[in-house]
């Protein structure tokens, strides 16, 4: 069963549009939303397992220039 997670992202605001565009090109990321509040972007993602979520964060999300911080919430029940 796939694992669903929400990634709450804080970014350098000057790079928000570029970061959103980069995230939207990633097929593993189901939805990318720019939001108001303590975070700048909220991403919904799915991976085959928890290791897949970790790998995606480590290799595909956090290395994007301008991303300052992430907080990941894994869905327990949907």
PDB file of N, CA and C in Angstrom:
ATOM      1  N   UNK A   1       0.834  -1.177   0.000  1.00  0.00           N
ATOM      2  CA  UNK A   1       0.000   0.000   0.000  1.00  0.00           C
ATOM      3  C   UNK A   1       0.883   1.247   0.000  1.00  0.00           C
ATOM      4  N   UNK A   2       0.537   2.213  -0.808  1.00  0.00           N
ATOM      5  CA  UNK A   2       1.312   3.449  -0.916  1.00  0.00           C
ATOM      6  C   UNK A   2       1.210   4.267   0.368  1.00  0.00           C
ATOM      7  N   UNK A   3       2.255   5.020   0.622  1.00  0.00           N
ATOM      8  CA  UNK A   3       2.296   5.925   1.767  1.00  0.00           C
ATOM      9  C   UNK A   3       2.063   7.341   1.254  1.00  0.00           C
ATOM     10  N   UNK A   4       1.130   8.033   1.879  1.00  0.00           N
ATOM     11  CA  UNK A   4       0.823   9.420   1.519  1.00  0.00           C
ATOM     12  C   UNK A   4       1.416  10.330   2.587  1.00  0.00           C
ATOM     13  N   UNK A   5       1.957  11.464   2.148  1.00  0.00           N
ATOM     14  CA  UNK A   5       2.528  12.422   3.091  1.00  0.00           C
ATOM     15  C   UNK A   5       2.294  13.838   2.591  1.00  0.00           C
ATOM     16  N   UNK A   6       2.269  14.761   3.534  1.00  0.00           N
ATOM     17  CA  UNK A   6       2.208  16.182   3.226  1.00  0.00           C
ATOM     18  C   UNK A   6       3.535  16.793   3.648  1.00  0.00           C
ATOM     19  N   UNK A   7       4.115  17.590   2.758  1.00  0.00           N
ATOM     20  CA  UNK A   7       5.377  18.255   3.046  1.00  0.00           C
ATOM     21  C   UNK A   7       5.089  19.748   3.149  1.00  0.00           C
ATOM     22  N   UNK A   8       5.351  20.318   4.305  1.00  0.00           N
ATOM     23  CA  UNK A   8       5.170  21.749   4.537  1.00  0.00           C
ATOM     24  C   UNK A   8       6.541  22.390   4.384  1.00  0.00           C
ATOM     25  N   UNK A   9       6.634  23.365   3.490  1.00  0.00           N
ATOM     26  CA  UNK A   9       7.935  23.887   3.080  1.00  0.00           C
ATOM     27  C   UNK A   9       8.022  25.390   3.321  1.00  0.00           C
ATOM     28  N   UNK A  10       9.151  25.812   3.883  1.00  0.00           N
ATOM     29  CA  UNK A  10       9.497  27.223   4.013  1.00  0.00           C
ATOM     30  C   UNK A  10      10.578  27.515   2.984  1.00  0.00           C
ATOM     31  N   UNK A  11      10.413  28.613   2.246  1.00  0.00           N
ATOM     32  CA  UNK A  11      11.346  28.918   1.159  1.00  0.00           C
ATOM     33  C   UNK A  11      11.842  30.357   1.240  1.00  0.00           C
ATOM     34  N   UNK A  12      12.889  30.630   0.483  1.00  0.00           N
ATOM     35  CA  UNK A  12      13.322  32.004   0.235  1.00  0.00           C
ATOM     36  C   UNK A  12      12.249  32.602  -0.669  1.00  0.00           C
ATOM     37  N   UNK A  13      11.515  33.587  -0.182  1.00  0.00           N
ATOM     38  CA  UNK A  13      10.342  34.081  -0.914  1.00  0.00           C
ATOM     39  C   UNK A  13      10.666  34.621  -2.300  1.00  0.00           C
ATOM     40  N   UNK A  14      11.880  35.053  -2.528  1.00  0.00           N
ATOM     41  CA  UNK A  14      12.253  35.536  -3.861  1.00  0.00           C
ATOM     42  C   UNK A  14      12.275  34.404  -4.886  1.00  0.00           C
ATOM     43  N   UNK A  15      12.341  33.157  -4.408  1.00  0.00           N
ATOM     44  CA  UNK A  15      12.436  31.999  -5.306  1.00  0.00           C
ATOM     45  C   UNK A  15      11.169  31.144  -5.318  1.00  0.00           C
ATOM     46  N   UNK A  16      10.107  31.624  -4.698  1.00  0.00           N
ATOM     47  CA  UNK A  16       8.896  30.808  -4.555  1.00  0.00           C
ATOM     48  C   UNK A  16       8.379  30.288  -5.890  1.00  0.00           C
ATOM     49  N   UNK A  17       8.232  31.143  -6.879  1.00  0.00           N
ATOM     50  CA  UNK A  17       7.662  30.711  -8.164  1.00  0.00           C
ATOM     51  C   UNK A  17       8.523  29.649  -8.835  1.00  0.00           C
ATOM     52  N   UNK A  18       9.842  29.812  -8.785  1.00  0.00           N
ATOM     53  CA  UNK A  18      10.731  28.822  -9.390  1.00  0.00           C
ATOM     54  C   UNK A  18      10.653  27.488  -8.650  1.00  0.00           C
ATOM     55  N   UNK A  19      10.568  27.549  -7.322  1.00  0.00           N
ATOM     56  CA  UNK A  19      10.486  26.323  -6.525  1.00  0.00           C
ATOM     57  C   UNK A  19       9.178  25.596  -6.810  1.00  0.00           C
ATOM     58  N   UNK A  20       8.068  26.329  -6.849  1.00  0.00           N
ATOM     59  CA  UNK A  20       6.771  25.716  -7.162  1.00  0.00           C
ATOM     60  C   UNK A  20       6.829  25.046  -8.533  1.00  0.00           C
ATOM     61  N   UNK A  21       7.394  25.716  -9.520  1.00  0.00           N
ATOM     62  CA  UNK A  21       7.495  25.147 -10.871  1.00  0.00           C
ATOM     63  C   UNK A  21       8.340  23.879 -10.868  1.00  0.00           C
ATOM     64  N   UNK A  22       9.439  23.885 -10.137  1.00  0.00           N
ATOM     65  CA  UNK A  22      10.299  22.699 -10.049  1.00  0.00           C
ATOM     66  C   UNK A  22       9.562  21.550  -9.385  1.00  0.00           C
ATOM     67  N   UNK A  23       8.881  21.818  -8.288  1.00  0.00           N
ATOM     68  CA  UNK A  23       8.140  20.774  -7.581  1.00  0.00           C
ATOM     69  C   UNK A  23       7.033  20.195  -8.460  1.00  0.00           C
ATOM     70  N   UNK A  24       6.352  21.031  -9.219  1.00  0.00           N
ATOM     71  CA  UNK A  24       5.239  20.563 -10.063  1.00  0.00           C
ATOM     72  C   UNK A  24       5.707  19.652 -11.193  1.00  0.00           C
ATOM     73  N   UNK A  25       6.967  19.716 -11.550  1.00  0.00           N
ATOM     74  CA  UNK A  25       7.495  18.827 -12.597  1.00  0.00           C
ATOM     75  C   UNK A  25       7.798  17.425 -12.072  1.00  0.00           C
ATOM     76  N   UNK A  26       7.750  17.232 -10.769  1.00  0.00           N
ATOM     77  CA  UNK A  26       8.054  15.933 -10.169  1.00  0.00           C
ATOM     78  C   UNK A  26       6.779  15.088 -10.137  1.00  0.00           C
ATOM     79  N   UNK A  27       6.749  13.970 -10.877  1.00  0.00           N
ATOM     80  CA  UNK A  27       5.524  13.163 -10.949  1.00  0.00           C
ATOM     81  C   UNK A  27       5.132  12.493  -9.631  1.00  0.00           C
ATOM     82  N   UNK A  28       6.060  12.344  -8.718  1.00  0.00           N
ATOM     83  CA  UNK A  28       5.744  11.724  -7.432  1.00  0.00           C
ATOM     84  C   UNK A  28       4.950  12.680  -6.534  1.00  0.00           C
ATOM     85  N   UNK A  29       5.059  13.967  -6.807  1.00  0.00           N
ATOM     86  CA  UNK A  29       4.357  14.969  -6.013  1.00  0.00           C
ATOM     87  C   UNK A  29       2.994  15.211  -6.642  1.00  0.00           C
ATOM     88  N   UNK A  30       1.949  14.798  -5.944  1.00  0.00           N
ATOM     89  CA  UNK A  30       0.595  14.809  -6.499  1.00  0.00           C
ATOM     90  C   UNK A  30      -0.013  16.203  -6.581  1.00  0.00           C
ATOM     91  N   UNK A  31       0.279  17.040  -5.593  1.00  0.00           N
ATOM     92  CA  UNK A  31      -0.295  18.381  -5.572  1.00  0.00           C
ATOM     93  C   UNK A  31       0.703  19.328  -4.919  1.00  0.00           C
ATOM     94  N   UNK A  32       0.853  20.508  -5.495  1.00  0.00           N
ATOM     95  CA  UNK A  32       1.766  21.527  -4.971  1.00  0.00           C
ATOM     96  C   UNK A  32       0.979  22.827  -4.853  1.00  0.00           C
ATOM     97  N   UNK A  33       0.879  23.360  -3.637  1.00  0.00           N
ATOM     98  CA  UNK A  33       0.100  24.575  -3.394  1.00  0.00           C
ATOM     99  C   UNK A  33       0.932  25.629  -2.683  1.00  0.00           C
ATOM    100  N   UNK A  34       0.913  26.845  -3.214  1.00  0.00           N
ATOM    101  CA  UNK A  34       1.502  27.988  -2.519  1.00  0.00           C
ATOM    102  C   UNK A  34       0.445  28.483  -1.536  1.00  0.00           C
ATOM    103  N   UNK A  35       0.824  28.672  -0.269  1.00  0.00           N
ATOM    104  CA  UNK A  35      -0.143  29.011   0.774  1.00  0.00           C
ATOM    105  C   UNK A  35       0.336  30.203   1.599  1.00  0.00           C
ATOM    106  N   UNK A  36      -0.598  30.788   2.350  1.00  0.00           N
ATOM    107  CA  UNK A  36      -0.282  31.827   3.327  1.00  0.00           C
ATOM    108  C   UNK A  36      -0.219  31.179   4.700  1.00  0.00           C
ATOM    109  N   UNK A  37       0.635  31.693   5.555  1.00  0.00           N
ATOM    110  CA  UNK A  37       0.752  31.161   6.907  1.00  0.00           C
ATOM    111  C   UNK A  37       2.204  30.920   7.256  1.00  0.00           C
ATOM    112  N   UNK A  38       2.453  30.060   8.241  1.00  0.00           N
ATOM    113  CA  UNK A  38       3.828  29.829   8.684  1.00  0.00           C
ATOM    114  C   UNK A  38       4.684  29.082   7.655  1.00  0.00           C
ATOM    115  N   UNK A  39       4.049  28.446   6.680  1.00  0.00           N
ATOM    116  CA  UNK A  39       4.761  27.766   5.598  1.00  0.00           C
ATOM    117  C   UNK A  39       4.389  28.439   4.286  1.00  0.00           C
ATOM    118  N   UNK A  40       5.229  28.243   3.288  1.00  0.00           N
ATOM    119  CA  UNK A  40       5.021  28.886   1.989  1.00  0.00           C
ATOM    120  C   UNK A  40       4.399  27.958   0.952  1.00  0.00           C
ATOM    121  N   UNK A  41       4.703  26.663   1.065  1.00  0.00           N
ATOM    122  CA  UNK A  41       4.235  25.675   0.089  1.00  0.00           C
ATOM    123  C   UNK A  41       3.814  24.426   0.853  1.00  0.00           C
ATOM    124  N   UNK A  42       2.713  23.812   0.427  1.00  0.00           N
ATOM    125  CA  UNK A  42       2.308  22.507   0.950  1.00  0.00           C
ATOM    126  C   UNK A  42       2.212  21.553  -0.230  1.00  0.00           C
ATOM    127  N   UNK A  43       2.880  20.415  -0.083  1.00  0.00           N
ATOM    128  CA  UNK A  43       2.942  19.409  -1.143  1.00  0.00           C
ATOM    129  C   UNK A  43       2.304  18.119  -0.643  1.00  0.00           C
ATOM    130  N   UNK A  44       1.492  17.508  -1.493  1.00  0.00           N
ATOM    131  CA  UNK A  44       0.968  16.168  -1.214  1.00  0.00           C
ATOM    132  C   UNK A  44       1.758  15.196  -2.076  1.00  0.00           C
ATOM    133  N   UNK A  45       2.262  14.131  -1.461  1.00  0.00           N
ATOM    134  CA  UNK A  45       3.036  13.159  -2.231  1.00  0.00           C
ATOM    135  C   UNK A  45       2.639  11.739  -1.869  1.00  0.00           C
ATOM    136  N   UNK A  46       2.995  10.805  -2.746  1.00  0.00           N
ATOM    137  CA  UNK A  46       2.815   9.384  -2.486  1.00  0.00           C
ATOM    138  C   UNK A  46       4.093   8.662  -2.848  1.00  0.00           C
ATOM    139  N   UNK A  47       4.388   7.628  -2.087  1.00  0.00           N
ATOM    140  CA  UNK A  47       5.543   6.778  -2.349  1.00  0.00           C
ATOM    141  C   UNK A  47       5.145   5.349  -2.011  1.00  0.00           C
ATOM    142  N   UNK A  48       5.877   4.373  -2.530  1.00  0.00           N
ATOM    143  CA  UNK A  48       5.522   2.979  -2.266  1.00  0.00           C
ATOM    144  C   UNK A  48       5.599   2.610  -0.787  1.00  0.00           C
ATOM    145  N   UNK A  49       6.493   3.269  -0.044  1.00  0.00           N
ATOM    146  CA  UNK A  49       6.687   2.962   1.370  1.00  0.00           C
ATOM    147  C   UNK A  49       7.331   4.162   2.056  1.00  0.00           C
ATOM    148  N   UNK A  50       7.559   4.048   3.360  1.00  0.00           N
ATOM    149  CA  UNK A  50       8.138   5.154   4.117  1.00  0.00           C
ATOM    150  C   UNK A  50       9.551   5.485   3.644  1.00  0.00           C
ATOM    151  N   UNK A  51      10.308   4.470   3.257  1.00  0.00           N
ATOM    152  CA  UNK A  51      11.646   4.724   2.710  1.00  0.00           C
ATOM    153  C   UNK A  51      11.560   5.568   1.444  1.00  0.00           C
ATOM    154  N   UNK A  52      10.538   5.356   0.644  1.00  0.00           N
ATOM    155  CA  UNK A  52      10.342   6.145  -0.569  1.00  0.00           C
ATOM    156  C   UNK A  52      10.065   7.606  -0.264  1.00  0.00           C
ATOM    157  N   UNK A  53       9.322   7.856   0.810  1.00  0.00           N
ATOM    158  CA  UNK A  53       9.070   9.236   1.243  1.00  0.00           C
ATOM    159  C   UNK A  53      10.390   9.881   1.650  1.00  0.00           C
ATOM    160  N   UNK A  54      11.169   9.163   2.456  1.00  0.00           N
ATOM    161  CA  UNK A  54      12.458   9.678   2.920  1.00  0.00           C
ATOM    162  C   UNK A  54      13.397   9.956   1.760  1.00  0.00           C
ATOM    163  N   UNK A  55      13.464   9.029   0.816  1.00  0.00           N
ATOM    164  CA  UNK A  55      14.337   9.200  -0.349  1.00  0.00           C
ATOM    165  C   UNK A  55      13.913  10.404  -1.177  1.00  0.00           C
ATOM    166  N   UNK A  56      12.621  10.548  -1.415  1.00  0.00           N
ATOM    167  CA  UNK A  56      12.130  11.689  -2.194  1.00  0.00           C
ATOM    168  C   UNK A  56      12.493  13.009  -1.520  1.00  0.00           C
ATOM    169  N   UNK A  57      12.322  13.067  -0.214  1.00  0.00           N
ATOM    170  CA  UNK A  57      12.677  14.288   0.514  1.00  0.00           C
ATOM    171  C   UNK A  57      14.165  14.584   0.389  1.00  0.00           C
ATOM    172  N   UNK A  58      14.974  13.568   0.635  1.00  0.00           N
ATOM    173  CA  UNK A  58      16.426  13.731   0.642  1.00  0.00           C
ATOM    174  C   UNK A  58      16.996  14.063  -0.730  1.00  0.00           C
ATOM    175  N   UNK A  59      16.448  13.429  -1.770  1.00  0.00           N
ATOM    176  CA  UNK A  59      17.047  13.532  -3.099  1.00  0.00           C
ATOM    177  C   UNK A  59      16.314  14.468  -4.056  1.00  0.00           C
ATOM    178  N   UNK A  60      15.011  14.694  -3.836  1.00  0.00           N
ATOM    179  CA  UNK A  60      14.222  15.426  -4.823  1.00  0.00           C
ATOM    180  C   UNK A  60      13.638  16.744  -4.323  1.00  0.00           C
ATOM    181  N   UNK A  61      13.459  16.884  -3.023  1.00  0.00           N
ATOM    182  CA  UNK A  61      12.819  18.094  -2.505  1.00  0.00           C
ATOM    183  C   UNK A  61      13.832  19.001  -1.806  1.00  0.00           C
ATOM    184  N   UNK A  62      14.470  18.514  -0.773  1.00  0.00           N
ATOM    185  CA  UNK A  62      15.367  19.366   0.024  1.00  0.00           C
ATOM    186  C   UNK A  62      16.539  19.957  -0.756  1.00  0.00           C
ATOM    187  N   UNK A  63      17.079  19.280  -1.781  1.00  0.00           N
ATOM    188  CA  UNK A  63      18.199  19.886  -2.520  1.00  0.00           C
ATOM    189  C   UNK A  63      17.818  21.070  -3.416  1.00  0.00           C
ATOM    190  N   UNK A  64      16.536  21.331  -3.607  1.00  0.00           N
ATOM    191  CA  UNK A  64      16.127  22.432  -4.485  1.00  0.00           C
ATOM    192  C   UNK A  64      16.605  23.757  -3.883  1.00  0.00           C
ATOM    193  N   UNK A  65      17.345  24.552  -4.666  1.00  0.00           N
ATOM    194  CA  UNK A  65      17.826  25.836  -4.153  1.00  0.00           C
ATOM    195  C   UNK A  65      16.670  26.732  -3.697  1.00  0.00           C
ATOM    196  N   UNK A  66      16.825  27.317  -2.515  1.00  0.00           N
ATOM    197  CA  UNK A  66      15.817  28.221  -1.978  1.00  0.00           C
ATOM    198  C   UNK A  66      14.916  27.583  -0.937  1.00  0.00           C
ATOM    199  N   UNK A  67      14.930  26.252  -0.834  1.00  0.00           N
ATOM    200  CA  UNK A  67      14.143  25.597   0.211  1.00  0.00           C
ATOM    201  C   UNK A  67      14.919  25.720   1.513  1.00  0.00           C
ATOM    202  N   UNK A  68      14.283  26.323   2.504  1.00  0.00           N
ATOM    203  CA  UNK A  68      14.946  26.563   3.790  1.00  0.00           C
ATOM    204  C   UNK A  68      14.668  25.467   4.805  1.00  0.00           C
ATOM    205  N   UNK A  69      13.420  24.983   4.827  1.00  0.00           N
ATOM    206  CA  UNK A  69      13.033  24.026   5.858  1.00  0.00           C
ATOM    207  C   UNK A  69      11.844  23.216   5.372  1.00  0.00           C
ATOM    208  N   UNK A  70      11.770  21.967   5.817  1.00  0.00           N
ATOM    209  CA  UNK A  70      10.599  21.139   5.515  1.00  0.00           C
ATOM    210  C   UNK A  70      10.097  20.475   6.793  1.00  0.00           C
ATOM    211  N   UNK A  71       8.804  20.237   6.823  1.00  0.00           N
ATOM    212  CA  UNK A  71       8.164  19.471   7.885  1.00  0.00           C
ATOM    213  C   UNK A  71       7.267  18.467   7.183  1.00  0.00           C
ATOM    214  N   UNK A  72       7.480  17.193   7.448  1.00  0.00           N
ATOM    215  CA  UNK A  72       6.729  16.150   6.754  1.00  0.00           C
ATOM    216  C   UNK A  72       5.725  15.507   7.699  1.00  0.00           C
ATOM    217  N   UNK A  73       4.481  15.402   7.244  1.00  0.00           N
ATOM    218  CA  UNK A  73       3.405  14.758   7.995  1.00  0.00           C
ATOM    219  C   UNK A  73       2.953  13.541   7.201  1.00  0.00           C
ATOM    220  N   UNK A  74       3.181  12.353   7.750  1.00  0.00           N
ATOM    221  CA  UNK A  74       2.788  11.114   7.086  1.00  0.00           C
ATOM    222  C   UNK A  74       1.353  10.784   7.487  1.00  0.00           C
ATOM    223  N   UNK A  75       0.528  10.464   6.507  1.00  0.00           N
ATOM    224  CA  UNK A  75      -0.877  10.133   6.755  1.00  0.00           C
ATOM    225  C   UNK A  75      -0.961   8.732   7.352  1.00  0.00           C
ATOM    226  N   UNK A  76      -1.651   8.617   8.481  1.00  0.00           N
ATOM    227  CA  UNK A  76      -1.830   7.315   9.121  1.00  0.00           C
ATOM    228  C   UNK A  76      -3.078   6.622   8.596  1.00  0.00           C
ATOM    229  N   UNK A  77      -4.181   7.362   8.499  1.00  0.00           N
ATOM    230  CA  UNK A  77      -5.450   6.829   8.010  1.00  0.00           C
ATOM    231  C   UNK A  77      -6.081   7.871   7.103  1.00  0.00           C
ATOM    232  N   UNK A  78      -6.674   7.393   6.016  1.00  0.00           N
ATOM    233  CA  UNK A  78      -7.273   8.330   5.073  1.00  0.00           C
ATOM    234  C   UNK A  78      -8.726   7.974   4.846  1.00  0.00           C
TER     235      UNK A  78
END
